[in-house]
Amino acid sequence: MNQLQSMRVFVKVADLGSFVRAAGALDLSTAVVTRHVADLEARLGTRLLNRTTRRLSLTESGTTYLERVRHILDDLDGVEQMVVARHHEPVGTLRIVAPVVFGLQSLAPAVQSYTARYPEVMPDVTLADRHADLVEEGFDVGILAGRPARSASIVTRRLTTCQLTVCATPAYLTQHGTPTRPEDLLDHPCLSRPPEQGGEERVFSGPEGLVRVRPATAIAANNSEMLRQFALLGMGVAILPSYLIARDLAFGRLVELLGDYRLPEIEITIAYPSRLHLPAKVRTFVDHLVEHFQSDATAPARDSRRAKHVRPTAGAVCQPWPRPPANAPLSAPLPA
């Protein structure tokens, strides 16, 4: 029989001093209760209870065993209650992995509002531009940018989408001309990610349908923020996520190009291992992020495409970046 259950039955019999009363309290038959105690005694090779027709009493071994078993069962109940509480109440360390630029630009406000709601959870954020194995590396959740989950045991939920934007500085466009069609990119040095990270063929949708071009990469970098810096230095034309350059477009540091054409949107998703027995900290964080980005998407339009751009004029020279207002936000939220 189940040893742990036999220990619980023995404690109940000892506390109530009767097999019959213990059976009633445990909703078991008297025969089953008697068998549990007998099995314990057989396992231990000693008698735990003295039985008479009128009463039960503990033997010396039974007294010692009862004291130790009671502590064991109390500790076990405490562990179970702790685990149950962690499952139903958001507590503990929440390990998060996210792409570097997205994490720096868009994740912090969501994490801040989550910890305000659930102060017993401590986020532990790792930023990495690589595929992370959530289960193998022990992450609770992962943010994916355009990369599908590679395991059937991983569940994903959509957070938002990101628009890729072709851009360059006003001074660069004055010196090298302004591309108006995707094919014009072939005549410009392009700043892009390495080929294995998306720096190859680009597919635009426009008035005449799909247009495929393969711009020549002048500088490659595996980090979008580095490409942004190269673009701001006037080193070429860059294709960057809208959430990264929204303020640059709004303040005229960069100019959006090919306004009649669109690149495929990048879907941002949150991934987590399985729906079975999901800890409360994971469940609440996933729900919070979905709510956070949905509410951001329904806010008044702040898409950088609607910003009034500073267009290059004849004879323009590269000027220092205009300073944003003192109350300007540090980063633009990710548009949906």
Foldseek 3Di string as FASTA:
>chain_A
DDLLVLLVLLLLCAVVFDLCVSCVVVVHDSVVSVVSQVVVCVVVVHHQWDDDPPTIDGDPVNVVSSVVSVVVVVVVVVVVVVVVCQQVAPAEEAEEEEADVCCVFAVVVLVVVLCVVRVRYHYDYHHDPDDDDCVVVVHFKYKDKQDDDPDPQKDKDFQAKWFKFKKAAQQLCLVQNADQDPVCLQVKAEEEAPVVQPQAWFWKQFPVGIDIDGHHHPHHDNDQVVSVVCRLVRVIMYTHTQQNCLVCFQQQSMDTYNPRITTDIIIMMMMGGHPPSRGPNSVSSRVSSNVVSVVVQPPPDSGSVPHDHDHHDHPDHDDPRDDDDPPDDPTGHGHD
